[in-house]
Amino acid sequence: MILSERQTDRGLLVTACDPDVLGETFANGDTEFTVTEEFYGGDTVEPEAVRESLARANVANLVGTEVVALAIEEGHVEEANVLDLDGTVHAQFMRL
């Protein structure tokens, strides 16, 4: 998994994606989504590092079946709120 952390005005922003989706573009009807290196690029890490990062995140953007499944498993994302794109999934969450 590819993980990045940034401090923002809203707290810790975590981006994570499956390696196979980085650089890819996905669509669902009128929605088109590109997993850019600029936003999602980071360090290749084990799932445990993503778990720890998501536990501390104020905002998270997640792309890919493995990363999103981990976020659902850890209780950060509800499956009903996951966006199904052609070939992958995308989820976001924000803690207030």
N, C-alpha and C. Protein backbone atom coordinates (compact mmCIF):
# COMPACT_ATOMS: atom_id res chain seq x y z
N MET A 1 0.84 -1.17 0.00
CA MET A 1 0.00 0.00 0.00
C MET A 1 0.89 1.24 0.00
N ILE A 2 0.37 2.29 -0.62
CA ILE A 2 1.13 3.54 -0.70
C ILE A 2 0.45 4.54 0.23
N LEU A 3 1.25 5.15 1.10
CA LEU A 3 0.73 5.99 2.17
C LEU A 3 1.45 7.33 2.20
N SER A 4 0.68 8.38 2.43
CA SER A 4 1.24 9.72 2.61
C SER A 4 0.48 10.41 3.74
N GLU A 5 1.19 11.20 4.53
CA GLU A 5 0.60 12.01 5.59
C GLU A 5 1.03 13.46 5.42
N ARG A 6 0.07 14.38 5.59
CA ARG A 6 0.37 15.81 5.53
C ARG A 6 -0.42 16.53 6.62
N GLN A 7 0.20 17.51 7.23
CA GLN A 7 -0.53 18.37 8.18
C GLN A 7 -1.22 19.47 7.38
N THR A 8 -2.50 19.69 7.67
CA THR A 8 -3.29 20.72 6.99
C THR A 8 -4.00 21.57 8.03
N ASP A 9 -4.75 22.56 7.56
CA ASP A 9 -5.55 23.40 8.46
C ASP A 9 -6.59 22.57 9.21
N ARG A 10 -6.98 21.44 8.65
CA ARG A 10 -8.00 20.58 9.26
C ARG A 10 -7.39 19.41 10.01
N GLY A 11 -6.09 19.40 10.21
CA GLY A 11 -5.43 18.33 10.92
C GLY A 11 -4.67 17.41 9.98
N LEU A 12 -4.49 16.18 10.39
CA LEU A 12 -3.70 15.22 9.63
C LEU A 12 -4.49 14.67 8.45
N LEU A 13 -3.98 14.91 7.24
CA LEU A 13 -4.56 14.36 6.02
C LEU A 13 -3.78 13.12 5.65
N VAL A 14 -4.47 12.01 5.50
CA VAL A 14 -3.86 10.75 5.11
C VAL A 14 -4.39 10.37 3.73
N THR A 15 -3.49 10.06 2.82
CA THR A 15 -3.88 9.49 1.54
C THR A 15 -3.25 8.11 1.45
N ALA A 16 -4.03 7.17 0.94
CA ALA A 16 -3.52 5.80 0.79
C ALA A 16 -4.18 5.17 -0.43
N CYS A 17 -3.40 4.37 -1.13
CA CYS A 17 -3.94 3.68 -2.29
C CYS A 17 -3.22 2.35 -2.47
N ASP A 18 -3.87 1.48 -3.23
CA ASP A 18 -3.23 0.24 -3.65
C ASP A 18 -2.21 0.60 -4.72
N PRO A 19 -1.06 -0.06 -4.76
CA PRO A 19 -0.03 0.28 -5.75
C PRO A 19 -0.50 0.19 -7.20
N ASP A 20 -1.40 -0.73 -7.50
CA ASP A 20 -1.81 -0.92 -8.89
C ASP A 20 -2.74 0.17 -9.41
N VAL A 21 -3.25 1.05 -8.55
CA VAL A 21 -4.14 2.10 -9.03
C VAL A 21 -3.44 3.45 -9.20
N LEU A 22 -2.23 3.59 -8.67
CA LEU A 22 -1.50 4.85 -8.77
C LEU A 22 -1.24 5.18 -10.24
N GLY A 23 -1.66 6.37 -10.64
CA GLY A 23 -1.49 6.82 -12.02
C GLY A 23 -2.65 6.44 -12.94
N GLU A 24 -3.59 5.68 -12.45
CA GLU A 24 -4.72 5.23 -13.27
C GLU A 24 -5.89 6.22 -13.17
N THR A 25 -6.74 6.20 -14.19
CA THR A 25 -7.96 7.00 -14.22
C THR A 25 -9.16 6.05 -14.26
N PHE A 26 -10.15 6.34 -13.44
CA PHE A 26 -11.35 5.50 -13.33
C PHE A 26 -12.57 6.39 -13.55
N ALA A 27 -13.68 5.77 -13.99
CA ALA A 27 -14.89 6.54 -14.26
C ALA A 27 -16.11 5.79 -13.76
N ASN A 28 -17.16 6.57 -13.49
CA ASN A 28 -18.47 6.03 -13.13
C ASN A 28 -19.49 7.05 -13.62
N GLY A 29 -20.05 6.81 -14.78
CA GLY A 29 -20.97 7.77 -15.36
C GLY A 29 -20.25 9.08 -15.67
N ASP A 30 -20.73 10.17 -15.08
CA ASP A 30 -20.12 11.49 -15.30
C ASP A 30 -18.91 11.75 -14.41
N THR A 31 -18.65 10.85 -13.47
CA THR A 31 -17.54 11.03 -12.54
C THR A 31 -16.28 10.37 -13.08
N GLU A 32 -15.20 11.15 -13.19
CA GLU A 32 -13.90 10.61 -13.60
C GLU A 32 -12.90 10.96 -12.50
N PHE A 33 -12.06 10.01 -12.18
CA PHE A 33 -11.17 10.15 -11.04
C PHE A 33 -9.79 9.63 -11.41
N THR A 34 -8.75 10.46 -11.25
CA THR A 34 -7.38 10.05 -11.52
C THR A 34 -6.61 9.98 -10.21
N VAL A 35 -5.94 8.88 -9.99
CA VAL A 35 -5.13 8.66 -8.79
C VAL A 35 -3.73 9.20 -9.10
N THR A 36 -3.53 10.47 -8.81
CA THR A 36 -2.28 11.13 -9.20
C THR A 36 -1.14 10.86 -8.21
N GLU A 37 0.05 10.83 -8.77
CA GLU A 37 1.27 10.69 -7.96
C GLU A 37 1.40 11.90 -7.03
N GLU A 38 1.03 13.07 -7.52
CA GLU A 38 1.15 14.30 -6.75
C GLU A 38 0.36 14.23 -5.44
N PHE A 39 -0.86 13.68 -5.48
CA PHE A 39 -1.70 13.63 -4.29
C PHE A 39 -1.56 12.32 -3.52
N TYR A 40 -1.51 11.20 -4.22
CA TYR A 40 -1.51 9.88 -3.57
C TYR A 40 -0.12 9.26 -3.44
N GLY A 41 0.88 9.85 -4.06
CA GLY A 41 2.23 9.28 -3.97
C GLY A 41 2.77 9.36 -2.55
N GLY A 42 3.58 8.40 -2.20
CA GLY A 42 4.16 8.37 -0.85
C GLY A 42 5.04 7.17 -0.69
N ASP A 43 5.06 6.63 0.51
CA ASP A 43 5.90 5.48 0.82
C ASP A 43 5.11 4.18 0.68
N THR A 44 5.77 3.16 0.18
CA THR A 44 5.17 1.83 0.14
C THR A 44 5.31 1.22 1.53
N VAL A 45 4.17 0.84 2.12
CA VAL A 45 4.16 0.38 3.51
C VAL A 45 3.31 -0.88 3.65
N GLU A 46 3.44 -1.51 4.78
CA GLU A 46 2.62 -2.68 5.13
C GLU A 46 1.26 -2.21 5.65
N PRO A 47 0.26 -3.06 5.62
CA PRO A 47 -1.08 -2.67 6.09
C PRO A 47 -1.11 -2.12 7.52
N GLU A 48 -0.26 -2.61 8.39
CA GLU A 48 -0.25 -2.12 9.77
C GLU A 48 0.06 -0.63 9.85
N ALA A 49 0.95 -0.15 8.99
CA ALA A 49 1.26 1.29 8.98
C ALA A 49 0.06 2.10 8.53
N VAL A 50 -0.72 1.58 7.58
CA VAL A 50 -1.93 2.26 7.14
C VAL A 50 -2.96 2.27 8.28
N ARG A 51 -3.10 1.14 8.97
CA ARG A 51 -4.02 1.09 10.13
C ARG A 51 -3.68 2.18 11.15
N GLU A 52 -2.41 2.27 11.50
CA GLU A 52 -1.96 3.25 12.49
C GLU A 52 -2.20 4.68 12.01
N SER A 53 -1.93 4.94 10.74
CA SER A 53 -2.11 6.27 10.18
C SER A 53 -3.58 6.66 10.15
N LEU A 54 -4.44 5.74 9.73
CA LEU A 54 -5.88 6.02 9.68
C LEU A 54 -6.45 6.29 11.07
N ALA A 55 -5.91 5.63 12.08
CA ALA A 55 -6.37 5.84 13.45
C ALA A 55 -6.08 7.26 13.93
N ARG A 56 -5.06 7.90 13.37
CA ARG A 56 -4.67 9.25 13.76
C ARG A 56 -5.21 10.32 12.83
N ALA A 57 -5.78 9.91 11.69
CA ALA A 57 -6.18 10.85 10.64
C ALA A 57 -7.39 11.69 11.04
N ASN A 58 -7.36 12.95 10.63
CA ASN A 58 -8.54 13.81 10.71
C ASN A 58 -9.32 13.75 9.40
N VAL A 59 -8.58 13.59 8.31
CA VAL A 59 -9.16 13.48 6.97
C VAL A 59 -8.39 12.39 6.24
N ALA A 60 -9.12 11.55 5.48
CA ALA A 60 -8.46 10.51 4.71
C ALA A 60 -9.11 10.37 3.34
N ASN A 61 -8.27 10.13 2.34
CA ASN A 61 -8.69 9.83 0.98
C ASN A 61 -8.07 8.49 0.61
N LEU A 62 -8.90 7.54 0.21
CA LEU A 62 -8.46 6.16 0.02
C LEU A 62 -8.94 5.64 -1.32
N VAL A 63 -8.04 4.96 -2.05
CA VAL A 63 -8.40 4.39 -3.35
C VAL A 63 -7.81 2.99 -3.46
N GLY A 64 -8.64 2.06 -3.91
CA GLY A 64 -8.20 0.69 -4.14
C GLY A 64 -8.91 -0.29 -3.24
N THR A 65 -9.12 -1.48 -3.73
CA THR A 65 -9.91 -2.47 -2.99
C THR A 65 -9.28 -2.86 -1.67
N GLU A 66 -7.97 -3.02 -1.62
CA GLU A 66 -7.31 -3.44 -0.38
C GLU A 66 -7.34 -2.34 0.67
N VAL A 67 -6.99 -1.13 0.28
CA VAL A 67 -6.96 0.00 1.23
C VAL A 67 -8.35 0.29 1.76
N VAL A 68 -9.34 0.33 0.88
CA VAL A 68 -10.70 0.63 1.32
C VAL A 68 -11.23 -0.50 2.20
N ALA A 69 -10.94 -1.76 1.86
CA ALA A 69 -11.37 -2.88 2.71
C ALA A 69 -10.77 -2.77 4.10
N LEU A 70 -9.51 -2.36 4.20
CA LEU A 70 -8.86 -2.17 5.50
C LEU A 70 -9.57 -1.08 6.29
N ALA A 71 -9.92 0.03 5.64
CA ALA A 71 -10.61 1.13 6.32
C ALA A 71 -12.00 0.70 6.81
N ILE A 72 -12.68 -0.12 6.04
CA ILE A 72 -13.98 -0.65 6.46
C ILE A 72 -13.79 -1.58 7.65
N GLU A 73 -12.83 -2.47 7.55
CA GLU A 73 -12.53 -3.43 8.63
C GLU A 73 -12.21 -2.73 9.95
N GLU A 74 -11.50 -1.61 9.86
CA GLU A 74 -11.10 -0.87 11.06
C GLU A 74 -12.20 0.08 11.56
N GLY A 75 -13.31 0.17 10.83
CA GLY A 75 -14.43 0.99 11.28
C GLY A 75 -14.35 2.47 10.92
N HIS A 76 -13.46 2.83 10.01
CA HIS A 76 -13.32 4.23 9.62
C HIS A 76 -14.29 4.62 8.51
N VAL A 77 -14.71 3.64 7.72
CA VAL A 77 -15.57 3.87 6.57
C VAL A 77 -16.69 2.84 6.59
N GLU A 78 -17.91 3.30 6.26
CA GLU A 78 -19.02 2.37 6.11
C GLU A 78 -19.10 1.94 4.64
N GLU A 79 -19.29 0.66 4.42
CA GLU A 79 -19.30 0.13 3.06
C GLU A 79 -20.33 0.83 2.17
N ALA A 80 -21.45 1.24 2.73
CA ALA A 80 -22.49 1.92 1.96
C ALA A 80 -22.03 3.27 1.43
N ASN A 81 -20.98 3.84 1.99
CA ASN A 81 -20.48 5.14 1.58
C ASN A 81 -19.30 5.08 0.62
N VAL A 82 -18.97 3.90 0.13
CA VAL A 82 -17.85 3.71 -0.78
C VAL A 82 -18.32 3.95 -2.21
N LEU A 83 -17.57 4.74 -2.95
CA LEU A 83 -17.86 5.03 -4.35
C LEU A 83 -17.25 3.94 -5.22
N ASP A 84 -18.09 3.30 -6.01
CA ASP A 84 -17.63 2.25 -6.93
C ASP A 84 -17.28 2.90 -8.26
N LEU A 85 -16.01 2.89 -8.58
CA LEU A 85 -15.55 3.41 -9.87
C LEU A 85 -15.28 2.21 -10.77
N ASP A 86 -15.22 2.43 -12.04
CA ASP A 86 -15.00 1.34 -12.98
C ASP A 86 -13.64 0.70 -12.76
N GLY A 87 -13.60 -0.36 -11.97
CA GLY A 87 -12.35 -1.07 -11.75
C GLY A 87 -11.75 -0.91 -10.37
N THR A 88 -12.26 0.01 -9.56
CA THR A 88 -11.74 0.16 -8.20
C THR A 88 -12.79 0.86 -7.33
N VAL A 89 -12.40 1.16 -6.10
CA VAL A 89 -13.29 1.85 -5.17
C VAL A 89 -12.56 3.04 -4.54
N HIS A 90 -13.36 4.01 -4.08
CA HIS A 90 -12.81 5.23 -3.47
C HIS A 90 -13.64 5.56 -2.23
N ALA A 91 -12.97 5.96 -1.17
CA ALA A 91 -13.66 6.37 0.05
C ALA A 91 -12.92 7.53 0.69
N GLN A 92 -13.68 8.33 1.41
CA GLN A 92 -13.12 9.44 2.18
C GLN A 92 -13.77 9.44 3.55
N PHE A 93 -13.04 9.98 4.53
CA PHE A 93 -13.68 10.26 5.80
C PHE A 93 -13.05 11.48 6.44
N MET A 94 -13.84 12.10 7.33
CA MET A 94 -13.38 13.28 8.06
C MET A 94 -13.87 13.16 9.49
N ARG A 95 -12.97 13.37 10.43
CA ARG A 95 -13.33 13.42 11.84
C ARG A 95 -13.40 14.88 12.25
N LEU A 96 -14.46 15.23 12.94
CA LEU A 96 -14.62 16.63 13.37
C LEU A 96 -14.26 16.77 14.84
